[in-house]
Amino acid sequence: MMNISVIGAGYVGLITGIGFAKLNHQVSIVDLNDDLIKNLNENRPPFYEPELVDYLNDSNIRNNLFFSTSYQKSINENTDIVFVCVQTPTDPDTGKTKTDYISSVLTELKKIESFNFIICIKSTIKATLVEKISNEIDLDYKKIIFNPEFLREGSAFYDFFNPDRIVIGGSDQKGLNQCTELYESFDCEKIITDSNSSQMIKYLSNTYLAMRLSFVNETYRLVSEFNGNPEEVLNAIGKDKRIGNDYFRPSPGWGGSCFPKDVKEVISSFQMDYQLPIISEILRSNELHMEWFVDYILKIINEQSLENIVLIGAPFKENTDDLRESPSLKIYKLIEEKFKNVWILDFDIPLSKSFKAIKSLSELKDNTLYVEMFPDSSQNRNNIVNTIDKLINSKIFRIWEVS
């Protein structure tokens, strides 16, 4: 068993730390946010993720898990690996990754590098940026290991314990060996590569998935225009083993904390030097699809003489409370420009005052088009659907079921 420190108690850091603690490693999670650490020490997580509360209340896991705001209390001569899991947000002006957080962490780790731990980067960031920061603070970049994460919100613990592959990048053999040993019990392929390749695997995996979702949505629009059956067409295309049916469902649009950010980073970093005609249009394709989706549902309410539109679900997908780049919020604003009687229905997630929200079944309206923004098998969603079925002149629209 190893002694592990995780810097950053956000989504990646918390899932990673708890996951390794469940595997009986000793784990310290460090975050400078006092309130966040206080809440975690009281078993109150900062976001929703299935199984997260249960794991925080599991005494066996908590015996291996320590939360702190102090690097000095969490990292010492017994520490084997320090995972860096801080956010790497996109600069809204340039589209490039902001390095403030990761630079701050590496600066702190430089002060205690005599403890001889392995620094392992899980944050999504180009290796060249980490090299630049390391050179600026006189940290030995060659000893840094990269281990990108592939966690999906809503199924993060399943993904942690059942990865498709584990990618480890770097040039320091001691660090590569130690990181590989940590994952020895995981039943999947371990891909050992160089630093740059390891991070490009993460960026381009997400870029491909975003492209795939955009292809599905463009296919839906194209087939619909020619009076075909989009559901049958996509199902038949997916039967080809080279293509498959995973990530092959039409949607109102895609969003979240990873896909938009990573696609923007690839475009902003490489488009000036290389022609990337496919990648450069992925974001625009998603925007066009959401605009088309708005016109499509407005057409439905006009044809059926409905008076209201209610979007069901505020986050960007099921089983999460993450509103970042949520299609629901973007589509709401696009509808509002053309049609004022629009609401978002979500019982669990508070919204800003710029959105009209429905928070209970008693607020559901007759003469309304209810638009499911993503599939959801929860009891909440079942109750909503059952209530809508009893309303007068109301309809549920699901783009993934329309033929």
Protein backbone atom coordinates (compact mmCIF):
# COMPACT_ATOMS: atom_id res chain seq x y z
CA MET A 1 0.00 0.00 0.00
CA MET A 2 1.17 3.55 -0.76
CA ASN A 3 0.93 6.94 0.91
CA ILE A 4 -0.80 9.28 -1.51
CA SER A 5 -1.52 12.99 -1.44
CA VAL A 6 -4.07 14.58 -3.74
CA ILE A 7 -3.97 18.33 -4.38
CA GLY A 8 -7.42 19.67 -5.18
CA ALA A 9 -10.72 18.47 -3.68
CA GLY A 10 -12.76 19.15 -6.78
CA TYR A 11 -14.37 16.54 -8.98
CA VAL A 12 -11.24 14.68 -10.14
CA GLY A 13 -9.33 15.01 -6.88
CA LEU A 14 -12.16 13.86 -4.64
CA ILE A 15 -13.09 10.84 -6.78
CA THR A 16 -9.42 9.87 -7.17
CA GLY A 17 -8.63 10.22 -3.48
CA ILE A 18 -11.67 8.29 -2.29
CA GLY A 19 -11.04 5.62 -4.92
CA PHE A 20 -7.50 4.96 -3.73
CA ALA A 21 -8.61 5.08 -0.08
CA LYS A 22 -11.18 2.38 -0.85
CA LEU A 23 -8.29 0.30 -2.20
CA ASN A 24 -6.61 0.65 1.23
CA HIS A 25 -4.01 3.25 0.33
CA GLN A 26 -3.42 6.05 2.85
CA VAL A 27 -4.72 9.23 1.21
CA SER A 28 -4.50 12.91 2.14
CA ILE A 29 -6.59 15.36 0.10
CA VAL A 30 -5.42 18.97 0.23
CA ASP A 31 -7.45 22.03 -0.76
CA LEU A 32 -6.95 25.64 0.31
CA ASN A 33 -10.71 26.25 0.55
CA ASP A 34 -11.40 26.18 4.30
CA ASP A 35 -15.17 25.76 3.96
CA LEU A 36 -14.78 22.93 1.47
CA ILE A 37 -12.43 20.98 3.74
CA LYS A 38 -14.64 21.65 6.77
CA ASN A 39 -17.65 20.26 4.91
CA LEU A 40 -15.74 17.20 3.70
CA ASN A 41 -14.58 16.47 7.24
CA GLU A 42 -18.28 16.50 8.13
CA ASN A 43 -19.05 14.15 5.20
CA ARG A 44 -20.75 16.86 3.14
CA PRO A 45 -19.58 16.75 -0.50
CA PRO A 46 -19.42 19.87 -2.71
CA PHE A 47 -21.29 18.26 -5.63
CA TYR A 48 -23.58 15.36 -6.43
CA GLU A 49 -22.16 12.10 -7.73
CA PRO A 50 -23.75 8.65 -7.27
CA GLU A 51 -22.17 6.74 -4.34
CA LEU A 52 -20.17 9.77 -3.15
CA VAL A 53 -22.09 10.31 0.09
CA ASP A 54 -22.04 6.58 0.84
CA TYR A 55 -18.27 6.42 0.38
CA LEU A 56 -17.71 9.48 2.58
CA ASN A 57 -19.71 7.77 5.33
CA ASP A 58 -17.93 4.42 4.95
CA SER A 59 -15.80 3.96 8.08
CA ASN A 60 -13.30 1.69 6.31
CA ILE A 61 -12.65 4.33 3.67
CA ARG A 62 -12.54 7.18 6.19
CA ASN A 63 -9.87 5.33 8.18
CA ASN A 64 -7.63 5.76 5.12
CA LEU A 65 -8.73 9.29 4.20
CA PHE A 66 -7.59 12.66 5.57
CA PHE A 67 -8.71 16.15 4.48
CA SER A 68 -6.58 19.24 5.08
CA THR A 69 -5.82 22.78 3.94
CA SER A 70 -2.11 22.32 4.66
CA TYR A 71 0.56 20.93 2.34
CA GLN A 72 2.90 20.51 5.31
CA LYS A 73 0.44 18.36 7.28
CA SER A 74 -0.37 16.18 4.29
CA ILE A 75 2.97 15.63 2.56
CA ASN A 76 6.04 14.28 4.34
CA GLU A 77 8.99 11.91 3.97
CA ASN A 78 6.59 8.94 3.79
CA THR A 79 4.61 10.30 0.84
CA ASP A 80 5.03 8.19 -2.29
CA ILE A 81 2.95 10.03 -4.91
CA VAL A 82 1.36 13.48 -5.07
CA PHE A 83 -1.49 13.73 -7.57
CA VAL A 84 -2.14 17.23 -8.90
CA CYS A 85 -5.88 17.52 -9.60
CA VAL A 86 -6.57 21.26 -9.67
CA GLN A 87 -8.75 22.92 -12.27
CA THR A 88 -7.33 24.18 -15.56
CA PRO A 89 -10.07 26.53 -16.79
CA THR A 90 -10.22 28.10 -20.22
CA ASP A 91 -9.43 31.79 -20.62
CA PRO A 92 -12.64 33.21 -22.16
CA ASP A 93 -10.67 35.75 -24.21
CA THR A 94 -8.05 33.46 -25.75
CA GLY A 95 -9.62 29.99 -25.51
CA LYS A 96 -6.38 28.72 -23.99
CA THR A 97 -5.80 27.00 -20.66
CA LYS A 98 -5.22 29.20 -17.61
CA THR A 99 -2.27 27.92 -15.60
CA ASP A 100 -2.63 29.92 -12.36
CA TYR A 101 -3.79 27.01 -10.18
CA ILE A 102 -1.33 24.42 -11.40
CA SER A 103 1.52 26.94 -11.22
CA SER A 104 0.65 27.68 -7.60
CA VAL A 105 0.60 23.97 -6.72
CA LEU A 106 3.94 23.22 -8.37
CA THR A 107 5.47 26.22 -6.59
CA GLU A 108 4.33 24.82 -3.23
CA LEU A 109 5.60 21.34 -4.09
CA LYS A 110 8.97 22.81 -5.06
CA LYS A 111 9.37 24.04 -1.47
CA ILE A 112 9.11 20.48 -0.10
CA GLU A 113 10.62 18.48 -2.97
CA SER A 114 13.34 17.18 -0.61
CA PHE A 115 10.78 14.59 0.56
CA ASN A 116 11.43 12.87 -2.77
CA PHE A 117 7.82 12.06 -3.71
CA ILE A 118 6.61 11.51 -7.28
CA ILE A 119 4.60 14.38 -8.78
CA CYS A 120 1.81 13.01 -10.97
CA ILE A 121 -0.37 15.39 -13.01
CA LYS A 122 -4.02 14.38 -13.44
CA SER A 123 -5.20 17.85 -14.41
CA THR A 124 -5.89 18.26 -18.12
CA ILE A 125 -3.10 20.50 -19.38
CA LYS A 126 -0.55 20.35 -22.16
CA ALA A 127 2.75 18.89 -21.00
CA THR A 128 4.60 21.80 -22.62
CA LEU A 129 2.84 24.23 -20.26
CA VAL A 130 3.90 22.15 -17.24
CA GLU A 131 7.45 22.13 -18.59
CA LYS A 132 7.37 25.93 -18.95
CA ILE A 133 6.12 26.39 -15.37
CA SER A 134 8.71 23.92 -14.05
CA ASN A 135 11.54 25.78 -15.75
CA GLU A 136 10.32 29.09 -14.29
CA ILE A 137 10.42 27.76 -10.71
CA ASP A 138 13.49 25.51 -11.15
CA LEU A 139 11.53 22.27 -10.67
CA ASP A 140 12.92 19.17 -12.39
CA TYR A 141 10.35 18.65 -15.16
CA LYS A 142 11.83 15.31 -16.20
CA LYS A 143 10.71 13.79 -12.91
CA ILE A 144 7.05 14.76 -13.40
CA ILE A 145 4.65 11.99 -14.43
CA PHE A 146 1.35 12.48 -16.28
CA ASN A 147 -1.69 10.29 -15.60
CA PRO A 148 -4.77 11.76 -17.34
CA GLU A 149 -8.21 10.93 -15.97
CA PHE A 150 -11.15 9.64 -18.00
CA LEU A 151 -13.96 9.98 -15.44
CA ARG A 152 -17.51 10.63 -16.63
CA GLU A 153 -19.73 12.68 -14.38
CA GLY A 154 -22.57 10.49 -13.18
CA SER A 155 -20.53 7.27 -13.34
CA ALA A 156 -17.17 8.45 -12.00
CA PHE A 157 -16.61 5.75 -9.39
CA TYR A 158 -17.48 3.01 -11.87
CA ASP A 159 -14.99 4.56 -14.30
CA PHE A 160 -12.32 4.83 -11.62
CA PHE A 161 -12.54 1.16 -10.65
CA ASN A 162 -13.24 -0.14 -14.19
CA PRO A 163 -11.13 1.93 -16.60
CA ASP A 164 -10.89 1.11 -20.30
CA ARG A 165 -7.18 1.91 -20.11
CA ILE A 166 -4.70 3.66 -17.84
CA VAL A 167 -2.34 6.14 -19.47
CA ILE A 168 0.95 7.01 -17.78
CA GLY A 169 3.38 9.43 -19.39
CA GLY A 170 6.86 10.65 -18.56
CA SER A 171 10.57 9.94 -18.90
CA ASP A 172 11.61 9.26 -15.30
CA GLN A 173 11.78 5.49 -14.91
CA LYS A 174 11.39 5.55 -11.13
CA GLY A 175 8.23 7.62 -11.41
CA LEU A 176 6.82 5.50 -14.22
CA ASN A 177 7.47 2.32 -12.25
CA GLN A 178 5.88 3.67 -9.07
CA CYS A 179 2.79 4.92 -10.86
CA THR A 180 2.45 1.64 -12.76
CA GLU A 181 2.78 -0.30 -9.50
CA LEU A 182 -0.04 1.77 -7.98
CA TYR A 183 -2.38 0.56 -10.74
CA GLU A 184 -1.16 -3.05 -10.67
CA SER A 185 -4.51 -4.43 -9.45
CA PHE A 186 -6.53 -2.69 -12.19
CA ASP A 187 -7.67 -5.10 -14.89
CA CYS A 188 -7.00 -3.09 -18.04
CA GLU A 189 -4.19 -2.19 -20.40
CA LYS A 190 -1.56 0.18 -19.01
CA ILE A 191 -0.27 2.47 -21.74
CA ILE A 192 3.19 3.83 -20.90
CA THR A 193 4.20 6.70 -23.15
CA ASP A 194 5.93 10.09 -23.19
CA SER A 195 4.56 13.18 -21.44
CA ASN A 196 3.26 14.98 -24.53
CA SER A 197 1.53 11.90 -25.92
CA SER A 198 -0.19 11.12 -22.61
CA GLN A 199 -1.89 14.50 -22.49
CA MET A 200 -2.75 14.50 -26.19
CA ILE A 201 -4.49 11.16 -25.64
CA LYS A 202 -6.81 12.92 -23.19
CA TYR A 203 -7.40 16.02 -25.32
CA LEU A 204 -8.01 14.12 -28.54
CA SER A 205 -10.19 11.44 -26.91
CA ASN A 206 -12.57 14.15 -25.75
CA THR A 207 -12.31 15.95 -29.07
CA TYR A 208 -13.26 12.77 -30.92
CA LEU A 209 -16.23 12.11 -28.63
CA ALA A 210 -17.47 15.68 -29.13
CA MET A 211 -17.11 15.22 -32.89
CA ARG A 212 -19.02 11.93 -32.70
CA LEU A 213 -21.91 13.52 -30.80
CA SER A 214 -22.00 16.35 -33.34
CA PHE A 215 -22.04 13.85 -36.21
CA VAL A 216 -25.03 12.09 -34.65
CA ASN A 217 -26.92 15.36 -34.27
CA GLU A 218 -26.11 16.44 -37.83
CA THR A 219 -27.26 13.03 -39.06
CA TYR A 220 -30.52 13.46 -37.17
CA ARG A 221 -31.17 16.82 -38.85
CA LEU A 222 -30.21 15.57 -42.30
CA VAL A 223 -32.39 12.45 -42.15
CA SER A 224 -35.32 14.46 -40.75
CA GLU A 225 -35.12 16.94 -43.64
CA PHE A 226 -35.45 14.06 -46.12
CA ASN A 227 -38.43 12.59 -44.24
CA GLY A 228 -36.42 9.57 -43.14
CA ASN A 229 -36.40 7.83 -39.76
CA PRO A 230 -33.37 9.12 -37.78
CA GLU A 231 -33.67 6.45 -35.11
CA GLU A 232 -33.57 3.62 -37.64
CA VAL A 233 -30.77 5.23 -39.65
CA LEU A 234 -28.52 5.75 -36.62
CA ASN A 235 -29.25 2.27 -35.30
CA ALA A 236 -28.30 0.74 -38.65
CA ILE A 237 -25.11 2.81 -38.93
CA GLY A 238 -24.13 1.75 -35.41
CA LYS A 239 -24.49 -1.94 -36.31
CA ASP A 240 -21.23 -1.60 -38.22
CA LYS A 241 -18.64 -2.94 -35.75
CA ARG A 242 -16.20 -0.26 -36.88
CA ILE A 243 -18.66 2.38 -35.64
CA GLY A 244 -20.75 0.90 -32.80
CA ASN A 245 -23.70 2.37 -30.90
CA ASP A 246 -21.91 3.89 -27.89
CA TYR A 247 -22.16 7.68 -27.75
CA PHE A 248 -24.50 7.46 -30.72
CA ARG A 249 -27.73 9.00 -29.43
CA PRO A 250 -29.14 12.30 -30.72
CA SER A 251 -29.51 15.06 -28.15
CA PRO A 252 -30.48 18.74 -27.90
CA GLY A 253 -26.73 19.46 -27.80
CA TRP A 254 -23.68 18.54 -25.74
CA GLY A 255 -21.84 20.43 -23.01
CA GLY A 256 -20.23 19.89 -19.62
CA SER A 257 -16.91 20.78 -18.07
CA CYS A 258 -14.63 18.75 -20.37
CA PHE A 259 -15.67 18.47 -24.01
CA PRO A 260 -16.08 22.21 -24.79
CA LYS A 261 -12.95 23.14 -22.84
CA ASP A 262 -10.74 20.49 -24.41
CA VAL A 263 -11.94 21.15 -27.96
CA LYS A 264 -11.27 24.88 -27.48
CA GLU A 265 -7.77 24.13 -26.22
CA VAL A 266 -6.94 21.93 -29.21
CA ILE A 267 -8.24 24.56 -31.63
CA SER A 268 -6.57 27.54 -29.94
CA SER A 269 -3.25 25.73 -29.53
CA PHE A 270 -2.82 24.20 -32.96
CA GLN A 271 -5.11 25.83 -35.53
CA MET A 272 -2.71 28.71 -36.18
CA ASP A 273 0.03 26.31 -37.24
CA TYR A 274 -1.95 23.42 -38.73
CA GLN A 275 -5.10 23.10 -40.80
CA LEU A 276 -7.72 21.27 -38.73
CA PRO A 277 -10.91 21.57 -40.81
CA ILE A 278 -12.85 18.87 -38.93
CA ILE A 279 -11.84 19.78 -35.38
CA SER A 280 -12.21 23.52 -35.98
CA GLU A 281 -15.92 23.13 -36.82
CA ILE A 282 -16.99 20.85 -33.93
CA LEU A 283 -18.03 23.70 -31.62
CA ARG A 284 -19.87 25.50 -34.41
CA SER A 285 -21.72 22.31 -35.31
CA ASN A 286 -22.96 22.05 -31.72
CA GLU A 287 -24.08 25.69 -31.72
CA LEU A 288 -25.94 25.26 -35.01
CA HIS A 289 -27.66 22.16 -33.69
CA MET A 290 -28.95 23.95 -30.59
CA GLU A 291 -30.25 26.77 -32.79
CA TRP A 292 -31.99 24.22 -35.02
CA PHE A 293 -33.40 22.45 -31.95
CA VAL A 294 -34.98 25.69 -30.72
CA ASP A 295 -36.64 26.31 -34.10
CA TYR A 296 -37.83 22.70 -34.17
CA ILE A 297 -39.61 22.84 -30.81
CA LEU A 298 -41.07 26.27 -31.60
CA LYS A 299 -42.49 24.72 -34.76
CA ILE A 300 -44.09 21.95 -32.67
CA ILE A 301 -45.85 24.35 -30.30
CA ASN A 302 -47.13 26.45 -33.20
CA GLU A 303 -48.45 23.42 -35.09
CA GLN A 304 -50.13 22.01 -31.97
CA SER A 305 -51.32 25.34 -30.55
CA LEU A 306 -49.45 24.90 -27.26
CA GLU A 307 -48.89 27.84 -24.94
CA ASN A 308 -45.75 26.98 -22.94
CA ILE A 309 -42.38 25.23 -23.16
CA VAL A 310 -40.81 23.48 -20.17
CA LEU A 311 -37.29 22.07 -20.42
CA ILE A 312 -36.91 19.07 -18.10
CA GLY A 313 -33.46 18.94 -16.50
CA ALA A 314 -31.02 21.79 -15.84
CA PRO A 315 -27.56 20.10 -15.85
CA PHE A 316 -25.73 19.01 -18.98
CA LYS A 317 -26.52 15.31 -18.46
CA GLU A 318 -28.15 12.84 -16.08
CA ASN A 319 -26.80 11.95 -12.60
CA THR A 320 -24.96 15.22 -12.04
CA ASP A 321 -25.66 18.73 -10.77
CA ASP A 322 -23.06 20.33 -13.05
CA LEU A 323 -24.44 23.32 -14.96
CA ARG A 324 -21.22 24.16 -16.81
CA GLU A 325 -21.88 24.60 -20.54
CA SER A 326 -25.32 23.04 -20.03
CA PRO A 327 -27.37 22.85 -23.26
CA SER A 328 -30.51 23.34 -21.14
CA LEU A 329 -29.41 26.81 -20.04
CA LYS A 330 -28.23 27.82 -23.51
CA ILE A 331 -31.39 26.56 -25.21
CA TYR A 332 -33.55 28.32 -22.61
CA LYS A 333 -31.92 31.64 -23.49
CA LEU A 334 -32.28 31.01 -27.23
CA ILE A 335 -35.98 30.21 -26.80
CA GLU A 336 -36.53 33.24 -24.57
CA GLU A 337 -35.38 35.53 -27.38
CA LYS A 338 -38.31 34.31 -29.49
CA PHE A 339 -40.88 33.00 -27.01
CA LYS A 340 -41.36 34.21 -23.44
CA ASN A 341 -43.38 31.34 -21.95
CA VAL A 342 -40.43 29.07 -21.19
CA TRP A 343 -39.37 27.41 -17.92
CA ILE A 344 -36.77 24.93 -16.66
CA LEU A 345 -38.03 22.09 -14.50
CA ASP A 346 -35.50 20.78 -11.98
CA PHE A 347 -36.40 19.89 -8.41
CA ASP A 348 -32.85 19.56 -7.11
CA ILE A 349 -30.65 22.28 -8.62
CA PRO A 350 -31.04 25.98 -7.74
CA LEU A 351 -30.94 28.33 -10.71
CA SER A 352 -30.17 32.02 -10.96
CA LYS A 353 -33.00 34.54 -11.19
CA SER A 354 -32.40 34.89 -14.92
CA PHE A 355 -34.19 31.54 -15.40
CA LYS A 356 -37.85 30.84 -14.64
CA ALA A 357 -37.89 27.59 -12.70
CA ILE A 358 -40.49 24.96 -11.84
CA LYS A 359 -39.74 23.29 -8.51
CA SER A 360 -42.75 21.06 -7.79
CA LEU A 361 -45.25 18.81 -9.54
CA SER A 362 -48.07 21.17 -8.57
CA GLU A 363 -46.55 23.86 -10.84
CA LEU A 364 -46.81 21.76 -14.01
CA LYS A 365 -49.00 23.39 -16.64
CA ASP A 366 -51.63 22.34 -19.17
CA ASN A 367 -51.22 23.21 -22.87
CA THR A 368 -47.46 22.75 -22.65
CA LEU A 369 -44.64 21.11 -24.58
CA TYR A 370 -42.38 19.33 -22.08
CA VAL A 371 -38.90 18.77 -23.53
CA GLU A 372 -36.73 16.10 -21.90
CA MET A 373 -33.15 17.34 -22.23
CA PHE A 374 -31.57 13.96 -21.45
CA PRO A 375 -32.75 10.43 -20.55
CA ASP A 376 -33.24 9.85 -16.84
CA SER A 377 -34.58 6.68 -15.20
CA SER A 378 -34.89 8.18 -11.71
CA GLN A 379 -38.09 8.08 -9.67
CA ASN A 380 -38.25 11.87 -9.88
CA ARG A 381 -38.40 11.73 -13.67
CA ASN A 382 -41.00 8.94 -13.56
CA ASN A 383 -43.19 11.05 -11.27
CA ILE A 384 -42.86 14.01 -13.63
CA VAL A 385 -43.81 11.95 -16.68
CA ASN A 386 -46.79 10.38 -14.89
CA THR A 387 -48.05 13.82 -13.87
CA ILE A 388 -47.65 15.24 -17.39
CA ASP A 389 -49.65 12.33 -18.81
CA LYS A 390 -52.65 13.55 -16.79
CA LEU A 391 -52.45 17.17 -17.96
CA ILE A 392 -54.70 18.66 -20.62
CA ASN A 393 -53.26 19.09 -24.13
CA SER A 394 -49.64 18.57 -23.10
CA LYS A 395 -46.92 16.63 -24.88
CA ILE A 396 -43.49 15.21 -23.99
CA PHE A 397 -40.77 15.58 -26.61
CA ARG A 398 -37.64 13.39 -26.62
CA ILE A 399 -35.34 13.91 -29.57
CA TRP A 400 -33.75 10.47 -29.15
CA GLU A 401 -37.14 8.77 -29.59
CA VAL A 402 -38.62 10.81 -32.43
CA SER A 403 -39.05 8.96 -35.71
